[in-house]
């Protein structure tokens, strides 16, 4: 704790080495999310080589996405208690090994384990810790920093999609996976850039917290018990570690985070199948292989514009306090785009779809960590992001096979795309109704007069103190009366 006290900063530096952290996170998103998106280009190759249907082949993409998100809390745990650098380097080695082993696959089951589980686990150890590090280095320009960092997904997709298609044509799908395995080793370089930083709010001791007025009374009681037993805590530091670990996840009971979590489940279900089935759908309506891969490139480059422009716009003073609504608007627009996709059956019509879906996909992906930080606070961002990306796991696992089953059953992609669109629109509507309900509740609170006895409840969200004023109950009034009389007698 002494070293922490010496190294801690009052707040995020908003620059300096923080831009290297952004660059590292940018490379991480290229090597994780862009490579995962490009797995859909292998879809037709896997289906033809192994002779399997849509549903079984789609499990490959589902498992790698699911493993990435399911193990995100493990990445946050290693980052919080060991080192962000160690976690990302270890993840890079695991992901590269998984891709290299996949190049020797002899069955879909082999790909489920190597490309799905092993590569997905490696990506999980890299993704959420890298994103959380950006939040620790930036405050005023947080959305812009995230926009630049998350644009790696779009830039990577734009560059890798045609490159992967070319590699498949030149070296077959096995050679392409082997080359991607070497490329993903760059995650180890990204990990080396992640210099740790200690902020003031991350290094609070029990005594320091007790001195602050905005700590809740129940929390103060726990901290007092810990302070009394400080000699024992020094002898058994795991007691303090257990307490800190428990406090890292107390945001799970926040109503705002609960609503955000439920909406993310529906959003994740809606967005995943599109990246799996856009290329096969384009091929089914007569688009060439190169044009289909080009659609993914367009989606990727417009994704970049969405990342950066939405990040810059939502950092402006006029929109900064409305980032929540900007996020739900972007999710809703992606849902509307999916609803129109079944009637777009030529390359000139699919190009505008790639523009629209790519832009708003980049917009809401940028705002996920920003909105999460606004809900739970910066000190809990790493743990919260682990949970947020964990919630993506089951929808990512289930939605592509369900969409494939619908294609096999109905003989068209219409039902699959409509289900995706309505799921994302419901996610946006849920957040909108929750925020409106919160505003209506505040509006209908009974007005307080100046003669009413008041008391103030003070609580904290990260490093910001909030106060809620409520009426004093009868016991408080009696206590104040007795205390005032005793003071006057003195």
Protein backbone atom coordinates (compact mmCIF):
# COMPACT_ATOMS: atom_id res chain seq x y z
CA UNK A 1 0.00 0.00 0.00
CA UNK A 2 2.92 2.33 0.64
CA UNK A 3 4.14 1.96 -2.94
CA UNK A 4 0.61 2.60 -4.13
CA UNK A 5 0.49 5.78 -2.05
CA UNK A 6 3.70 7.03 -3.62
CA UNK A 7 2.77 6.27 -7.23
CA UNK A 8 -0.88 7.28 -7.27
CA UNK A 9 -2.19 10.22 -9.28
CA UNK A 10 -4.97 12.59 -8.35
CA UNK A 11 -6.75 11.85 -11.65
CA UNK A 12 -6.27 10.43 -15.17
CA UNK A 13 -3.49 12.24 -17.10
CA UNK A 14 -5.66 12.64 -20.26
CA UNK A 15 -2.61 12.35 -22.49
CA UNK A 16 1.07 11.50 -22.32
CA UNK A 17 1.59 7.75 -22.22
CA UNK A 18 -2.18 7.45 -22.42
CA UNK A 19 -1.95 7.80 -26.22
CA UNK A 20 0.35 4.77 -26.29
CA UNK A 21 -2.30 2.92 -24.30
CA UNK A 22 -4.83 3.95 -26.97
CA UNK A 23 -2.45 2.65 -29.67
CA UNK A 24 -2.06 -0.64 -27.79
CA UNK A 25 -5.82 -1.02 -27.39
CA UNK A 26 -6.22 -0.17 -31.09
CA UNK A 27 -3.93 -3.08 -32.01
CA UNK A 28 -5.72 -5.36 -29.53
CA UNK A 29 -9.09 -4.69 -31.19
CA UNK A 30 -7.56 -5.43 -34.61
CA UNK A 31 -6.10 -8.74 -33.44
CA UNK A 32 -9.24 -9.82 -31.55
CA UNK A 33 -12.50 -8.38 -32.88
CA UNK A 34 -11.38 -7.90 -36.51
CA UNK A 35 -9.96 -11.42 -36.69
CA UNK A 36 -13.17 -12.80 -35.15
CA UNK A 37 -15.25 -11.01 -37.79
CA UNK A 38 -13.06 -12.43 -40.54
CA UNK A 39 -13.85 -15.95 -39.36
CA UNK A 40 -17.13 -15.54 -41.29
CA UNK A 41 -15.09 -15.47 -44.53
CA UNK A 42 -14.01 -19.04 -43.73
CA UNK A 43 -17.69 -20.06 -43.33
CA UNK A 44 -18.24 -21.21 -46.93
CA UNK A 45 -14.84 -22.95 -47.00
CA UNK A 46 -15.55 -24.88 -43.80
CA UNK A 47 -19.03 -25.82 -44.98
CA UNK A 48 -17.76 -27.13 -48.31
CA UNK A 49 -14.71 -28.95 -46.90
CA UNK A 50 -16.48 -30.73 -44.04
CA UNK A 51 -19.84 -31.11 -45.82
CA UNK A 52 -21.95 -29.78 -42.93
CA UNK A 53 -25.10 -27.62 -42.78
CA UNK A 54 -25.39 -23.96 -41.80
CA UNK A 55 -26.26 -24.58 -38.15
CA UNK A 56 -23.32 -26.88 -37.33
CA UNK A 57 -20.80 -24.73 -39.19
CA UNK A 58 -22.06 -21.57 -37.46
CA UNK A 59 -21.06 -23.03 -34.08
CA UNK A 60 -17.41 -22.19 -34.87
CA UNK A 61 -18.04 -18.44 -34.94
CA UNK A 62 -20.44 -18.75 -32.00
CA UNK A 63 -17.95 -20.53 -29.76
CA UNK A 64 -15.07 -18.13 -30.42
CA UNK A 65 -17.34 -15.13 -29.71
CA UNK A 66 -18.86 -16.85 -26.66
CA UNK A 67 -15.49 -17.85 -25.20
CA UNK A 68 -14.17 -14.30 -25.70
CA UNK A 69 -17.04 -12.80 -23.75
CA UNK A 70 -17.62 -15.64 -21.28
CA UNK A 71 -14.04 -15.47 -20.02
CA UNK A 72 -13.91 -11.65 -19.95
CA UNK A 73 -14.22 -11.59 -16.11
CA UNK A 74 -11.16 -13.85 -15.98
CA UNK A 75 -9.25 -11.26 -18.01
CA UNK A 76 -10.39 -8.53 -15.62
CA UNK A 77 -9.39 -10.66 -12.60
CA UNK A 78 -5.87 -11.23 -13.90
CA UNK A 79 -5.57 -7.54 -14.82
CA UNK A 80 -6.72 -6.38 -11.36
CA UNK A 81 -4.73 -8.80 -9.20
CA UNK A 82 -1.68 -9.79 -11.30
CA UNK A 83 -0.89 -7.46 -14.20
CA UNK A 84 -2.59 -6.17 -17.31
CA UNK A 85 0.65 -6.75 -19.22
CA UNK A 86 0.92 -10.38 -18.14
CA UNK A 87 -2.73 -11.05 -18.96
CA UNK A 88 -2.55 -9.64 -22.49
CA UNK A 89 0.73 -11.39 -23.32
CA UNK A 90 -0.63 -14.72 -22.07
CA UNK A 91 -3.79 -14.16 -24.08
CA UNK A 92 -1.77 -13.47 -27.22
CA UNK A 93 0.11 -16.75 -26.85
CA UNK A 94 -3.11 -18.74 -26.31
CA UNK A 95 -4.92 -17.11 -29.27
CA UNK A 96 -1.98 -17.66 -31.62
CA UNK A 97 -1.70 -21.30 -30.54
CA UNK A 98 -5.41 -21.84 -31.17
CA UNK A 99 -5.25 -20.44 -34.71
CA UNK A 100 -2.13 -22.47 -35.57
CA UNK A 101 -3.72 -25.69 -34.26
CA UNK A 102 -6.87 -24.89 -36.26
CA UNK A 103 -4.86 -25.00 -39.48
CA UNK A 104 -4.39 -28.75 -38.86
CA UNK A 105 -8.10 -29.44 -38.16
CA UNK A 106 -9.64 -32.65 -39.50
CA UNK A 107 -13.21 -32.12 -38.23
CA UNK A 108 -15.58 -29.41 -37.06
CA UNK A 109 -15.18 -30.66 -33.49
CA UNK A 110 -11.44 -29.95 -33.74
CA UNK A 111 -12.25 -26.38 -34.84
CA UNK A 112 -14.74 -26.01 -31.98
CA UNK A 113 -11.92 -26.61 -29.49
CA UNK A 114 -8.96 -24.91 -31.17
CA UNK A 115 -10.48 -21.98 -33.06
CA UNK A 116 -13.46 -21.67 -30.72
CA UNK A 117 -12.39 -22.34 -27.14
CA UNK A 118 -8.62 -21.80 -27.14
CA UNK A 119 -8.52 -18.77 -29.42
CA UNK A 120 -11.59 -17.28 -27.71
CA UNK A 121 -9.96 -17.69 -24.28
CA UNK A 122 -6.84 -15.91 -25.51
CA UNK A 123 -8.90 -13.02 -26.90
CA UNK A 124 -10.77 -12.77 -23.57
CA UNK A 125 -7.55 -12.25 -21.60
CA UNK A 126 -6.65 -9.34 -23.91
CA UNK A 127 -9.87 -7.53 -24.77
CA UNK A 128 -11.51 -6.20 -21.60
CA UNK A 129 -8.23 -5.35 -19.73
CA UNK A 130 -6.99 -3.30 -22.71
CA UNK A 131 -10.27 -1.39 -22.93
CA UNK A 132 -10.31 -0.76 -19.18
CA UNK A 133 -6.77 0.69 -19.33
CA UNK A 134 -7.95 3.42 -21.71
CA UNK A 135 -10.59 4.44 -19.15
CA UNK A 136 -7.91 4.76 -16.45
CA UNK A 137 -5.76 7.12 -18.55
CA UNK A 138 -8.56 9.39 -19.83
CA UNK A 139 -11.42 11.37 -18.33
CA UNK A 140 -12.17 14.58 -20.24
CA UNK A 141 -11.47 13.01 -23.65
CA UNK A 142 -12.59 9.51 -22.72
CA UNK A 143 -15.13 9.03 -25.54
CA UNK A 144 -12.67 10.24 -28.18
CA UNK A 145 -9.93 7.97 -26.82
CA UNK A 146 -12.32 5.03 -26.90
CA UNK A 147 -13.42 5.98 -30.41
CA UNK A 148 -9.84 5.82 -31.68
CA UNK A 149 -9.04 2.63 -29.76
CA UNK A 150 -12.20 0.78 -30.81
CA UNK A 151 -11.79 1.85 -34.45
CA UNK A 152 -9.18 -0.90 -34.69
CA UNK A 153 -12.06 -3.33 -35.15
CA UNK A 154 -13.27 -1.47 -38.25
CA UNK A 155 -9.83 -0.76 -39.71
CA UNK A 156 -8.82 -4.37 -39.10
CA UNK A 157 -11.96 -5.67 -40.80
CA UNK A 158 -11.45 -3.32 -43.77
CA UNK A 159 -7.87 -4.50 -44.28
CA UNK A 160 -8.12 -8.14 -43.21
CA UNK A 161 -11.32 -9.10 -45.08
CA UNK A 162 -9.84 -8.89 -48.61
CA UNK A 163 -6.44 -10.07 -47.37
CA UNK A 164 -7.96 -13.19 -45.78
CA UNK A 165 -9.93 -13.89 -48.98
CA UNK A 166 -6.69 -13.59 -50.97
CA UNK A 167 -4.84 -15.84 -48.51
CA UNK A 168 -7.56 -18.49 -48.81
CA UNK A 169 -7.28 -18.41 -52.61
CA UNK A 170 -3.48 -18.61 -52.55
CA UNK A 171 -2.80 -20.94 -49.60
CA UNK A 172 -6.21 -22.56 -48.85
CA UNK A 173 -8.02 -22.03 -45.56
CA UNK A 174 -5.34 -23.95 -43.66
CA UNK A 175 -2.55 -21.63 -44.80
CA UNK A 176 -4.69 -18.58 -44.08
CA UNK A 177 -5.31 -19.70 -40.49
CA UNK A 178 -1.60 -20.41 -40.02
CA UNK A 179 -0.69 -16.88 -41.17
CA UNK A 180 -3.38 -15.37 -38.94
CA UNK A 181 -1.87 -17.29 -36.02
CA UNK A 182 1.45 -15.52 -36.58
CA UNK A 183 -0.29 -12.16 -36.97
CA UNK A 184 -2.15 -12.53 -33.65
CA UNK A 185 1.20 -12.90 -31.82
CA UNK A 186 1.35 -9.09 -32.05
CA UNK A 187 -0.91 -9.12 -28.99
CA UNK A 188 2.25 -9.76 -26.94
CA UNK A 189 3.65 -6.45 -28.22
CA UNK A 190 0.37 -4.73 -27.29
CA UNK A 191 0.62 -6.13 -23.78
CA UNK A 192 4.09 -4.65 -23.34
CA UNK A 193 2.66 -1.15 -23.97
CA UNK A 194 0.15 -1.38 -21.11
CA UNK A 195 2.07 0.49 -18.41
CA UNK A 196 0.06 0.28 -15.15
CA UNK A 197 -1.22 3.45 -13.49
CA UNK A 198 -2.43 3.96 -9.92
CA UNK A 199 -5.16 6.56 -9.42
CA UNK A 200 -6.03 8.12 -6.08
CA UNK A 201 -9.47 6.50 -5.90
CA UNK A 202 -7.97 3.06 -6.59
CA UNK A 203 -5.68 3.17 -3.54
CA UNK A 204 -7.96 4.01 -0.64
CA UNK A 205 -7.09 2.47 2.70
CA UNK A 206 -9.72 1.76 5.32
CA UNK A 207 -8.66 4.77 7.40
CA UNK A 208 -8.71 7.09 4.36
CA UNK A 209 -12.21 5.96 3.43
CA UNK A 210 -13.47 6.53 6.96
CA UNK A 211 -12.30 10.15 6.82
CA UNK A 212 -14.47 10.85 3.77
CA UNK A 213 -18.00 11.98 4.42
CA UNK A 214 -19.55 10.46 1.30
CA UNK A 215 -18.87 6.83 2.26
CA UNK A 216 -22.17 5.12 3.23
CA UNK A 217 -22.64 4.39 6.94
CA UNK A 218 -22.98 0.64 6.42
CA UNK A 219 -19.70 0.63 4.53
CA UNK A 220 -18.05 2.64 7.30
CA UNK A 221 -19.06 -0.01 9.84
CA UNK A 222 -17.35 -2.70 7.74
CA UNK A 223 -14.25 -0.54 7.39
CA UNK A 224 -14.15 0.15 11.15
CA UNK A 225 -14.19 -3.57 11.85
CA UNK A 226 -11.32 -3.98 9.39
CA UNK A 227 -9.40 -1.09 11.01
CA UNK A 228 -9.79 -2.64 14.48
CA UNK A 229 -8.36 -5.86 13.14
CA UNK A 230 -5.58 -4.13 11.19
CA UNK A 231 -2.79 -6.20 12.87
CA UNK A 232 -4.59 -9.36 11.78
CA UNK A 233 -5.04 -7.97 8.26
CA UNK A 234 -1.30 -7.39 8.10
CA UNK A 235 -0.74 -11.00 9.11
CA UNK A 236 -3.44 -12.36 6.81
CA UNK A 237 -3.64 -10.00 3.80
CA UNK A 238 -6.06 -12.33 2.00
CA UNK A 239 -8.81 -11.00 4.31
CA UNK A 240 -8.34 -7.52 2.87
CA UNK A 241 -8.11 -9.02 -0.62
CA UNK A 242 -11.43 -10.80 -0.12
CA UNK A 243 -13.05 -7.57 1.04
CA UNK A 244 -11.71 -5.67 -1.96
CA UNK A 245 -12.81 -8.44 -4.33
CA UNK A 246 -16.32 -8.30 -2.89
CA UNK A 247 -16.46 -4.51 -3.20
CA UNK A 248 -15.31 -4.71 -6.85
CA UNK A 249 -18.64 -6.29 -7.80
CA UNK A 250 -21.16 -4.45 -5.61
CA UNK A 251 -22.26 -2.53 -8.74
CA UNK A 252 -24.21 -5.66 -9.74
CA UNK A 253 -27.03 -4.51 -7.43
CA UNK A 254 -27.31 -1.04 -8.99
CA UNK A 255 -30.67 -0.67 -10.82
CA UNK A 256 -29.05 1.27 -13.66
CA UNK A 257 -26.53 -1.49 -14.27
CA UNK A 258 -29.24 -4.19 -14.13
CA UNK A 259 -31.23 -2.49 -16.90
CA UNK A 260 -28.08 -2.00 -18.97
CA UNK A 261 -27.20 -5.69 -18.51
CA UNK A 262 -30.60 -6.93 -19.72
CA UNK A 263 -30.51 -4.64 -22.75
CA UNK A 264 -27.02 -5.87 -23.65
CA UNK A 265 -28.32 -9.47 -23.79
CA UNK A 266 -30.80 -8.54 -26.55
CA UNK A 267 -28.34 -6.26 -28.33
CA UNK A 268 -25.68 -8.99 -28.45
CA UNK A 269 -28.22 -11.51 -29.78
CA UNK A 270 -29.14 -9.17 -32.63
CA UNK A 271 -25.69 -8.05 -33.78
CA UNK A 272 -23.81 -11.36 -33.92
CA UNK A 273 -25.55 -13.27 -36.80
CA UNK A 274 -25.10 -10.39 -39.22
CA UNK A 275 -21.31 -10.77 -39.22
CA UNK A 276 -21.66 -14.52 -39.78
CA UNK A 277 -24.27 -14.47 -42.54
CA UNK A 278 -23.66 -11.24 -44.48
CA UNK A 279 -21.17 -12.92 -46.83
CA UNK A 280 -23.24 -16.14 -47.31
CA UNK A 281 -26.39 -14.05 -47.85
CA UNK A 282 -24.65 -11.89 -50.45
CA UNK A 283 -23.44 -15.02 -52.25
CA UNK A 284 -26.97 -16.48 -52.18
CA UNK A 285 -28.40 -13.46 -54.05
CA UNK A 286 -25.78 -13.65 -56.82
CA UNK A 287 -22.97 -11.41 -55.51
CA UNK A 288 -19.44 -12.59 -56.37
CA UNK A 289 -16.96 -13.75 -53.73
CA UNK A 290 -14.82 -10.63 -54.03
CA UNK A 291 -17.84 -8.33 -53.87
CA UNK A 292 -19.13 -10.18 -50.80
CA UNK A 293 -15.75 -9.76 -49.07
CA UNK A 294 -15.78 -6.10 -50.16
CA UNK A 295 -19.09 -5.64 -48.31
CA UNK A 296 -17.31 -6.68 -45.12
CA UNK A 297 -14.53 -4.20 -45.94
CA UNK A 298 -17.05 -1.39 -46.41
CA UNK A 299 -18.70 -2.30 -43.12
CA UNK A 300 -15.29 -2.21 -41.47
CA UNK A 301 -14.15 1.16 -42.79
CA UNK A 302 -17.48 2.85 -42.02
CA UNK A 303 -17.24 1.26 -38.58
CA UNK A 304 -14.09 3.36 -38.12
CA UNK A 305 -15.93 6.56 -38.96
CA UNK A 306 -18.67 5.63 -36.49
CA UNK A 307 -16.08 4.93 -33.77
CA UNK A 308 -14.24 8.22 -34.11
CA UNK A 309 -17.06 10.63 -35.00
CA UNK A 310 -19.42 9.37 -32.29
CA UNK A 311 -16.55 9.42 -29.80
CA UNK A 312 -15.71 13.02 -30.73
CA UNK A 313 -19.34 14.18 -30.83
CA UNK A 314 -20.29 12.70 -27.47
CA UNK A 315 -17.31 14.41 -25.84
CA UNK A 316 -18.78 17.79 -26.85
CA UNK A 317 -20.46 19.76 -24.07
CA UNK A 318 -23.88 19.69 -25.76
CA UNK A 319 -23.96 15.88 -26.05
CA UNK A 320 -21.78 14.72 -23.16
CA UNK A 321 -24.71 14.44 -20.75
CA UNK A 322 -26.81 12.67 -23.43
CA UNK A 323 -24.39 9.84 -24.20
CA UNK A 324 -26.89 7.32 -22.82
CA UNK A 325 -29.48 8.34 -25.44
CA UNK A 326 -26.84 8.43 -28.19
CA UNK A 327 -26.02 4.81 -27.35
CA UNK A 328 -29.62 3.58 -27.49
CA UNK A 329 -30.23 5.55 -30.73
CA UNK A 330 -27.27 3.80 -32.39
CA UNK A 331 -28.48 0.36 -31.28
CA UNK A 332 -31.99 1.09 -32.55
CA UNK A 333 -30.71 2.23 -35.96
CA UNK A 334 -28.73 -0.99 -36.37
CA UNK A 335 -31.92 -2.92 -35.60
CA UNK A 336 -33.86 -0.99 -38.27
CA UNK A 337 -31.10 -1.72 -40.80
CA UNK A 338 -31.43 -5.46 -40.16
CA UNK A 339 -35.20 -5.29 -40.76
CA UNK A 340 -34.63 -3.92 -44.28
CA UNK A 341 -31.85 -6.36 -45.20
CA UNK A 342 -34.09 -9.19 -46.65
CA UNK A 343 -35.34 -6.89 -49.45
CA UNK A 344 -31.80 -5.87 -50.48
CA UNK A 345 -30.88 -8.51 -53.06
CA UNK A 346 -28.16 -6.97 -55.21
CA UNK A 347 -24.68 -5.57 -54.65
CA UNK A 348 -25.68 -1.89 -55.27
CA UNK A 349 -28.41 -2.24 -52.61
CA UNK A 350 -26.23 -4.07 -50.11
CA UNK A 351 -23.56 -1.33 -50.19
CA UNK A 352 -25.82 1.27 -48.45
CA UNK A 353 -26.71 -1.36 -45.86
CA UNK A 354 -23.01 -1.92 -45.10
CA UNK A 355 -22.59 1.86 -44.73
CA UNK A 356 -25.54 2.25 -42.35
CA UNK A 357 -24.99 -0.85 -40.22
CA UNK A 358 -21.23 -0.29 -40.04
CA UNK A 359 -21.56 3.33 -38.92
CA UNK A 360 -23.99 2.72 -36.08
CA UNK A 361 -22.21 -0.49 -35.07
CA UNK A 362 -19.05 1.54 -34.58
CA UNK A 363 -21.05 4.18 -32.70
CA UNK A 364 -22.55 1.94 -30.03
CA UNK A 365 -19.41 -0.21 -29.65
CA UNK A 366 -17.50 2.97 -28.77
CA UNK A 367 -20.13 4.02 -26.24
CA UNK A 368 -20.44 0.68 -24.39
CA UNK A 369 -17.41 1.32 -22.09
CA UNK A 370 -18.30 5.03 -21.81
CA UNK A 371 -21.89 4.34 -20.74
CA UNK A 372 -20.67 1.59 -18.39
CA UNK A 373 -18.22 4.01 -16.77
CA UNK A 374 -20.99 6.59 -16.37
CA UNK A 375 -23.14 3.99 -14.59
CA UNK A 376 -20.59 2.37 -12.24
CA UNK A 377 -17.68 4.85 -12.05
CA UNK A 378 -14.09 4.63 -13.30
CA UNK A 379 -12.58 2.63 -10.36
CA UNK A 380 -14.99 -0.26 -11.03
CA UNK A 381 -14.75 -0.04 -14.83
CA UNK A 382 -12.45 -3.04 -15.32
CA UNK A 383 -14.68 -5.36 -13.30
CA UNK A 384 -17.86 -3.92 -14.83
CA UNK A 385 -16.55 -4.35 -18.38
CA UNK A 386 -15.69 -7.95 -17.57
CA UNK A 387 -19.32 -8.53 -16.58
CA UNK A 388 -20.67 -6.55 -19.56
CA UNK A 389 -18.67 -8.59 -22.06
CA UNK A 390 -19.50 -11.76 -20.12
CA UNK A 391 -23.17 -10.99 -20.81
CA UNK A 392 -22.41 -11.09 -24.54
CA UNK A 393 -21.37 -14.74 -24.24
CA UNK A 394 -24.68 -16.64 -24.30
CA UNK A 395 -26.28 -14.53 -27.08
CA UNK A 396 -23.09 -14.85 -29.15
CA UNK A 397 -23.15 -18.62 -28.59
CA UNK A 398 -26.83 -19.13 -29.38
CA UNK A 399 -27.77 -16.57 -32.04
CA UNK A 400 -25.71 -17.75 -35.08
CA UNK A 401 -26.83 -21.42 -34.77
CA UNK A 402 -30.45 -20.30 -34.23
CA UNK A 403 -30.19 -18.10 -37.30
CA UNK A 404 -28.64 -21.00 -39.23
CA UNK A 405 -31.45 -23.31 -38.11
CA UNK A 406 -34.00 -20.77 -39.36
CA UNK A 407 -32.19 -20.63 -42.72
CA UNK A 408 -32.15 -24.43 -42.97
CA UNK A 409 -35.84 -24.65 -41.97
CA UNK A 410 -37.32 -21.79 -44.02
CA UNK A 411 -34.91 -21.82 -46.95
CA UNK A 412 -34.29 -18.05 -46.69
CA UNK A 413 -32.55 -15.51 -44.49
CA UNK A 414 -35.64 -13.37 -43.88
CA UNK A 415 -36.67 -14.83 -40.51
CA UNK A 416 -33.10 -14.70 -39.20
CA UNK A 417 -32.57 -11.02 -40.07
CA UNK A 418 -36.00 -9.98 -38.79
CA UNK A 419 -35.33 -11.67 -35.44
CA UNK A 420 -31.98 -9.85 -35.19
CA UNK A 421 -33.57 -6.49 -36.00
CA UNK A 422 -36.41 -6.79 -33.49
CA UNK A 423 -33.98 -7.95 -30.79
CA UNK A 424 -31.82 -4.83 -31.16
CA UNK A 425 -34.85 -2.53 -31.31
CA UNK A 426 -36.16 -4.10 -28.09
CA UNK A 427 -32.76 -3.51 -26.44
CA UNK A 428 -32.92 0.17 -27.37
CA UNK A 429 -36.58 0.53 -26.33
CA UNK A 430 -35.87 -1.08 -22.93
CA UNK A 431 -33.19 1.50 -22.13
CA UNK A 432 -35.44 4.31 -23.33
CA UNK A 433 -38.39 3.20 -21.18
CA UNK A 434 -36.14 2.74 -18.15
CA UNK A 435 -34.76 6.27 -18.47
CA UNK A 436 -38.24 7.75 -19.03
CA UNK A 437 -39.57 5.87 -15.99
CA UNK A 438 -36.71 7.27 -13.92
CA UNK A 439 -37.51 10.83 -15.03
CA UNK A 440 -41.24 10.39 -14.37
CA UNK A 441 -40.48 9.07 -10.89
CA UNK A 442 -38.34 12.13 -10.14
CA UNK A 443 -41.03 14.46 -11.47
CA UNK A 444 -43.74 12.99 -9.22
CA UNK A 445 -41.70 13.05 -5.99
CA UNK A 446 -43.47 15.16 -3.35
CA UNK A 447 -42.08 18.68 -3.24
CA UNK A 448 -40.23 19.63 -0.10
CA UNK A 449 -40.95 22.90 1.70
CA UNK A 450 -38.44 25.00 3.56
CA UNK A 451 -40.11 24.28 6.94
CA UNK A 452 -39.84 20.49 6.53
CA UNK A 453 -37.16 18.85 8.59
CA UNK A 454 -34.61 17.35 6.24
CA UNK A 455 -31.80 14.89 6.37
CA UNK A 456 -29.17 14.16 3.73
CA UNK A 457 -28.07 10.72 2.56
CA UNK A 458 -24.70 10.88 0.87
CA UNK A 459 -23.36 8.05 -1.31
CA UNK A 460 -20.60 7.60 -3.84
CA UNK A 461 -20.30 6.42 -7.42
CA UNK A 462 -16.60 6.12 -8.12
CA UNK A 463 -14.87 9.35 -7.17
CA UNK A 464 -18.04 11.50 -7.37
CA UNK A 465 -20.16 12.17 -4.31
CA UNK A 466 -23.92 12.45 -4.67
CA UNK A 467 -26.46 13.58 -2.08
CA UNK A 468 -30.10 12.65 -1.75
CA UNK A 469 -32.28 14.74 0.56
CA UNK A 470 -35.21 13.13 2.32
CA UNK A 471 -37.53 13.91 5.22
CA UNK A 472 -36.34 13.19 8.69
CA UNK A 473 -38.21 10.40 10.39
CA UNK A 474 -39.65 10.83 13.89
CA UNK A 475 -36.66 9.27 15.64
CA UNK A 476 -34.28 11.71 13.94
CA UNK A 477 -36.44 14.67 14.98
CA UNK A 478 -36.52 13.49 18.61
CA UNK A 479 -32.77 12.91 18.57
CA UNK A 480 -32.07 16.42 17.24
CA UNK A 481 -34.41 17.94 19.86
CA UNK A 482 -32.62 16.14 22.72
CA UNK A 483 -29.23 17.05 21.31
CA UNK A 484 -30.19 20.72 20.95
CA UNK A 485 -31.50 20.89 24.55
CA UNK A 486 -28.36 19.31 25.92
CA UNK A 487 -26.27 21.79 24.00
CA UNK A 488 -28.25 24.80 25.29
CA UNK A 489 -28.01 23.53 28.90
CA UNK A 490 -24.27 23.45 28.51
